[in-house]
Amino acid sequence: MPFVVHCIDRPDAGDLRRRTRAEHLEFMIAHNERVAFGGPLQNEDGSKVIGSLMVLSYDTREAVEAFLDAEPYSRAGLFSELRISRFRQMVPENPPGLLMKELARERAALRGHPVSGPRHGAGAVRTR
């Protein structure tokens, strides 16, 4: 089961990211079979790294927490915020045909069951 790890750097971290980067890269290389993808989060104009995002392939949250306990950026105290969320990949489809199966399931569930509340494009509010 994939987990998304969203990390925000401490504003007072100074050059801690730079000083621990080589160790972080070595760790990520050693654990690449568990990392679906990831990379640095950047500010709006791309001029500064503000955190990290990783999608990790582990069966339990505890295994993700153990990974993070050993991960050099996390171990060095770089992050002011760290969120772990379970993730269900829908796009790109894995397995192929997943979206069509989901659509058929949703249509079947909606037959005779009107949706209450606003729909996207019909009064729904999107926040950033």
C-alpha atoms as a PDB file:
ATOM      1  CA  MET A   1       0.000   0.000   0.000  1.00  0.00           C
ATOM      2  CA  PRO A   2       1.513   3.340  -0.963  1.00  0.00           C
ATOM      3  CA  PHE A   3       1.865   6.163   1.535  1.00  0.00           C
ATOM      4  CA  VAL A   4       2.432   9.824   0.723  1.00  0.00           C
ATOM      5  CA  VAL A   5       4.911  11.603   2.981  1.00  0.00           C
ATOM      6  CA  HIS A   6       4.647  15.405   2.832  1.00  0.00           C
ATOM      7  CA  CYS A   7       7.384  17.280   4.674  1.00  0.00           C
ATOM      8  CA  ILE A   8       7.882  21.028   5.171  1.00  0.00           C
ATOM      9  CA  ASP A   9      11.320  22.332   6.116  1.00  0.00           C
ATOM     10  CA  ARG A  10      11.808  24.314   9.320  1.00  0.00           C
ATOM     11  CA  PRO A  11      12.097  28.015   8.452  1.00  0.00           C
ATOM     12  CA  ASP A  12      15.152  28.265  10.714  1.00  0.00           C
ATOM     13  CA  ALA A  13      16.917  25.204   9.228  1.00  0.00           C
ATOM     14  CA  GLY A  14      19.553  27.306   7.439  1.00  0.00           C
ATOM     15  CA  ASP A  15      21.878  25.054   5.444  1.00  0.00           C
ATOM     16  CA  LEU A  16      20.849  21.827   7.227  1.00  0.00           C
ATOM     17  CA  ARG A  17      19.346  20.412   3.999  1.00  0.00           C
ATOM     18  CA  ARG A  18      22.576  21.074   2.075  1.00  0.00           C
ATOM     19  CA  ARG A  19      24.750  19.614   4.859  1.00  0.00           C
ATOM     20  CA  THR A  20      22.750  16.371   5.021  1.00  0.00           C
ATOM     21  CA  ARG A  21      21.947  15.988   1.317  1.00  0.00           C
ATOM     22  CA  ALA A  22      24.702  13.473   0.452  1.00  0.00           C
ATOM     23  CA  GLU A  23      23.654  11.211   3.326  1.00  0.00           C
ATOM     24  CA  HIS A  24      19.991  11.603   2.275  1.00  0.00           C
ATOM     25  CA  LEU A  25      20.830  10.637  -1.331  1.00  0.00           C
ATOM     26  CA  GLU A  26      22.782   7.569  -0.167  1.00  0.00           C
ATOM     27  CA  PHE A  27      19.814   6.521   1.973  1.00  0.00           C
ATOM     28  CA  MET A  28      17.343   6.979  -0.884  1.00  0.00           C
ATOM     29  CA  ILE A  29      19.565   4.960  -3.243  1.00  0.00           C
ATOM     30  CA  ALA A  30      19.790   2.162  -0.663  1.00  0.00           C
ATOM     31  CA  HIS A  31      15.979   2.132  -0.282  1.00  0.00           C
ATOM     32  CA  ASN A  32      14.975   2.815  -3.894  1.00  0.00           C
ATOM     33  CA  GLU A  33      12.853  -0.349  -4.088  1.00  0.00           C
ATOM     34  CA  ARG A  34      10.504   1.248  -1.519  1.00  0.00           C
ATOM     35  CA  VAL A  35      10.343   4.709  -3.123  1.00  0.00           C
ATOM     36  CA  ALA A  36       7.741   4.974  -5.906  1.00  0.00           C
ATOM     37  CA  PHE A  37       8.737   8.583  -6.508  1.00  0.00           C
ATOM     38  CA  GLY A  38       9.687  11.713  -4.642  1.00  0.00           C
ATOM     39  CA  GLY A  39      11.614  14.929  -4.689  1.00  0.00           C
ATOM     40  CA  PRO A  40      11.989  18.409  -3.275  1.00  0.00           C
ATOM     41  CA  LEU A  41       9.054  20.774  -2.894  1.00  0.00           C
ATOM     42  CA  GLN A  42       9.791  24.280  -4.165  1.00  0.00           C
ATOM     43  CA  ASN A  43       8.410  27.763  -3.608  1.00  0.00           C
ATOM     44  CA  GLU A  44       6.216  29.316  -6.319  1.00  0.00           C
ATOM     45  CA  ASP A  45       9.053  30.566  -8.537  1.00  0.00           C
ATOM     46  CA  GLY A  46      11.236  27.473  -8.028  1.00  0.00           C
ATOM     47  CA  SER A  47      14.057  29.439  -6.437  1.00  0.00           C
ATOM     48  CA  LYS A  48      14.017  27.711  -3.044  1.00  0.00           C
ATOM     49  CA  VAL A  49      13.434  24.212  -1.690  1.00  0.00           C
ATOM     50  CA  ILE A  50      10.755  24.280   1.014  1.00  0.00           C
ATOM     51  CA  GLY A  51      10.304  20.592   1.773  1.00  0.00           C
ATOM     52  CA  SER A  52      10.096  17.065   0.422  1.00  0.00           C
ATOM     53  CA  LEU A  53       7.432  14.746  -0.965  1.00  0.00           C
ATOM     54  CA  MET A  54       7.796  10.978  -1.164  1.00  0.00           C
ATOM     55  CA  VAL A  55       5.478   8.170  -2.136  1.00  0.00           C
ATOM     56  CA  LEU A  56       6.653   5.057  -0.312  1.00  0.00           C
ATOM     57  CA  SER A  57       5.604   1.446  -0.869  1.00  0.00           C
ATOM     58  CA  TYR A  58       5.102  -0.128   2.554  1.00  0.00           C
ATOM     59  CA  ASP A  59       2.354  -2.297   4.013  1.00  0.00           C
ATOM     60  CA  THR A  60       1.908  -0.337   7.249  1.00  0.00           C
ATOM     61  CA  ARG A  61       2.207   3.167   8.621  1.00  0.00           C
ATOM     62  CA  GLU A  62       4.600   1.794  11.237  1.00  0.00           C
ATOM     63  CA  ALA A  63       6.980   0.676   8.480  1.00  0.00           C
ATOM     64  CA  VAL A  64       6.826   4.177   6.951  1.00  0.00           C
ATOM     65  CA  GLU A  65       7.552   5.686  10.369  1.00  0.00           C
ATOM     66  CA  ALA A  66      10.560   3.358  10.771  1.00  0.00           C
ATOM     67  CA  PHE A  67      11.816   4.469   7.334  1.00  0.00           C
ATOM     68  CA  LEU A  68      11.463   8.110   8.378  1.00  0.00           C
ATOM     69  CA  ASP A  69      13.173   7.487  11.740  1.00  0.00           C
ATOM     70  CA  ALA A  70      16.250   6.381   9.770  1.00  0.00           C
ATOM     71  CA  GLU A  71      15.970   8.920   6.909  1.00  0.00           C
ATOM     72  CA  PRO A  72      18.759  11.528   7.248  1.00  0.00           C
ATOM     73  CA  TYR A  73      16.702  14.706   6.700  1.00  0.00           C
ATOM     74  CA  SER A  74      14.112  13.553   9.213  1.00  0.00           C
ATOM     75  CA  ARG A  75      16.746  12.314  11.665  1.00  0.00           C
ATOM     76  CA  ALA A  76      18.563  15.676  11.465  1.00  0.00           C
ATOM     77  CA  GLY A  77      15.357  17.540  12.405  1.00  0.00           C
ATOM     78  CA  LEU A  78      14.977  19.355   9.069  1.00  0.00           C
ATOM     79  CA  PHE A  79      11.179  19.227   9.016  1.00  0.00           C
ATOM     80  CA  SER A  80       8.753  21.436  10.925  1.00  0.00           C
ATOM     81  CA  GLU A  81       5.791  19.469   9.542  1.00  0.00           C
ATOM     82  CA  LEU A  82       5.578  15.856   8.456  1.00  0.00           C
ATOM     83  CA  ARG A  83       2.328  14.239   7.299  1.00  0.00           C
ATOM     84  CA  ILE A  84       1.817  10.599   6.355  1.00  0.00           C
ATOM     85  CA  SER A  85      -1.287   9.585   4.406  1.00  0.00           C
ATOM     86  CA  ARG A  86      -2.366   6.306   2.823  1.00  0.00           C
ATOM     87  CA  PHE A  87      -2.648   6.658  -0.912  1.00  0.00           C
ATOM     88  CA  ARG A  88      -4.645   4.809  -3.526  1.00  0.00           C
ATOM     89  CA  GLN A  89      -3.202   5.250  -6.998  1.00  0.00           C
ATOM     90  CA  MET A  90      -5.822   5.852  -9.661  1.00  0.00           C
ATOM     91  CA  VAL A  91      -3.859   7.654 -12.385  1.00  0.00           C
ATOM     92  CA  PRO A  92      -1.943   6.428 -14.254  1.00  0.00           C
ATOM     93  CA  GLU A  93      -4.195   3.446 -14.050  1.00  0.00           C
ATOM     94  CA  ASN A  94      -2.761   0.592 -12.057  1.00  0.00           C
ATOM     95  CA  PRO A  95      -4.042  -1.896 -13.108  1.00  0.00           C
ATOM     96  CA  PRO A  96      -5.264  -0.853 -16.568  1.00  0.00           C
ATOM     97  CA  GLY A  97      -9.045  -0.461 -16.650  1.00  0.00           C
ATOM     98  CA  LEU A  98      -9.258   0.693 -13.019  1.00  0.00           C
ATOM     99  CA  LEU A  99     -10.985   3.992 -13.853  1.00  0.00           C
ATOM    100  CA  MET A 100     -13.650   2.286 -15.979  1.00  0.00           C
ATOM    101  CA  LYS A 101     -14.362  -0.157 -13.125  1.00  0.00           C
ATOM    102  CA  GLU A 102     -14.594   2.752 -10.661  1.00  0.00           C
ATOM    103  CA  LEU A 103     -16.930   4.640 -12.994  1.00  0.00           C
ATOM    104  CA  ALA A 104     -19.200   1.608 -13.395  1.00  0.00           C
ATOM    105  CA  ARG A 105     -19.265   1.134  -9.596  1.00  0.00           C
ATOM    106  CA  GLU A 106     -20.149   4.809  -9.045  1.00  0.00           C
ATOM    107  CA  ARG A 107     -22.904   4.772 -11.661  1.00  0.00           C
ATOM    108  CA  ALA A 108     -24.383   1.624 -10.142  1.00  0.00           C
ATOM    109  CA  ALA A 109     -24.288   3.179  -6.663  1.00  0.00           C
ATOM    110  CA  LEU A 110     -26.014   6.345  -7.912  1.00  0.00           C
ATOM    111  CA  ARG A 111     -28.918   4.615  -9.650  1.00  0.00           C
ATOM    112  CA  GLY A 112     -31.942   5.525  -7.617  1.00  0.00           C
ATOM    113  CA  HIS A 113     -29.778   7.383  -5.117  1.00  0.00           C
ATOM    114  CA  PRO A 114     -29.602  11.096  -5.972  1.00  0.00           C
ATOM    115  CA  VAL A 115     -26.441  12.824  -4.866  1.00  0.00           C
ATOM    116  CA  SER A 116     -27.033  15.482  -2.225  1.00  0.00           C
ATOM    117  CA  GLY A 117     -24.959  18.635  -2.039  1.00  0.00           C
ATOM    118  CA  PRO A 118     -23.194  20.568  -4.761  1.00  0.00           C
ATOM    119  CA  ARG A 119     -21.389  18.799  -7.566  1.00  0.00           C
ATOM    120  CA  HIS A 120     -18.129  19.972  -9.053  1.00  0.00           C
ATOM    121  CA  GLY A 121     -18.987  22.768 -11.479  1.00  0.00           C
ATOM    122  CA  ALA A 122     -22.389  23.309  -9.889  1.00  0.00           C
ATOM    123  CA  GLY A 123     -21.627  25.400  -6.842  1.00  0.00           C
ATOM    124  CA  ALA A 124     -18.750  23.347  -5.483  1.00  0.00           C
ATOM    125  CA  VAL A 125     -16.005  25.368  -3.840  1.00  0.00           C
ATOM    126  CA  ARG A 126     -12.398  24.577  -4.558  1.00  0.00           C
ATOM    127  CA  THR A 127      -9.804  25.767  -2.042  1.00  0.00           C
ATOM    128  CA  ARG A 128      -6.057  26.048  -2.311  1.00  0.00           C
END
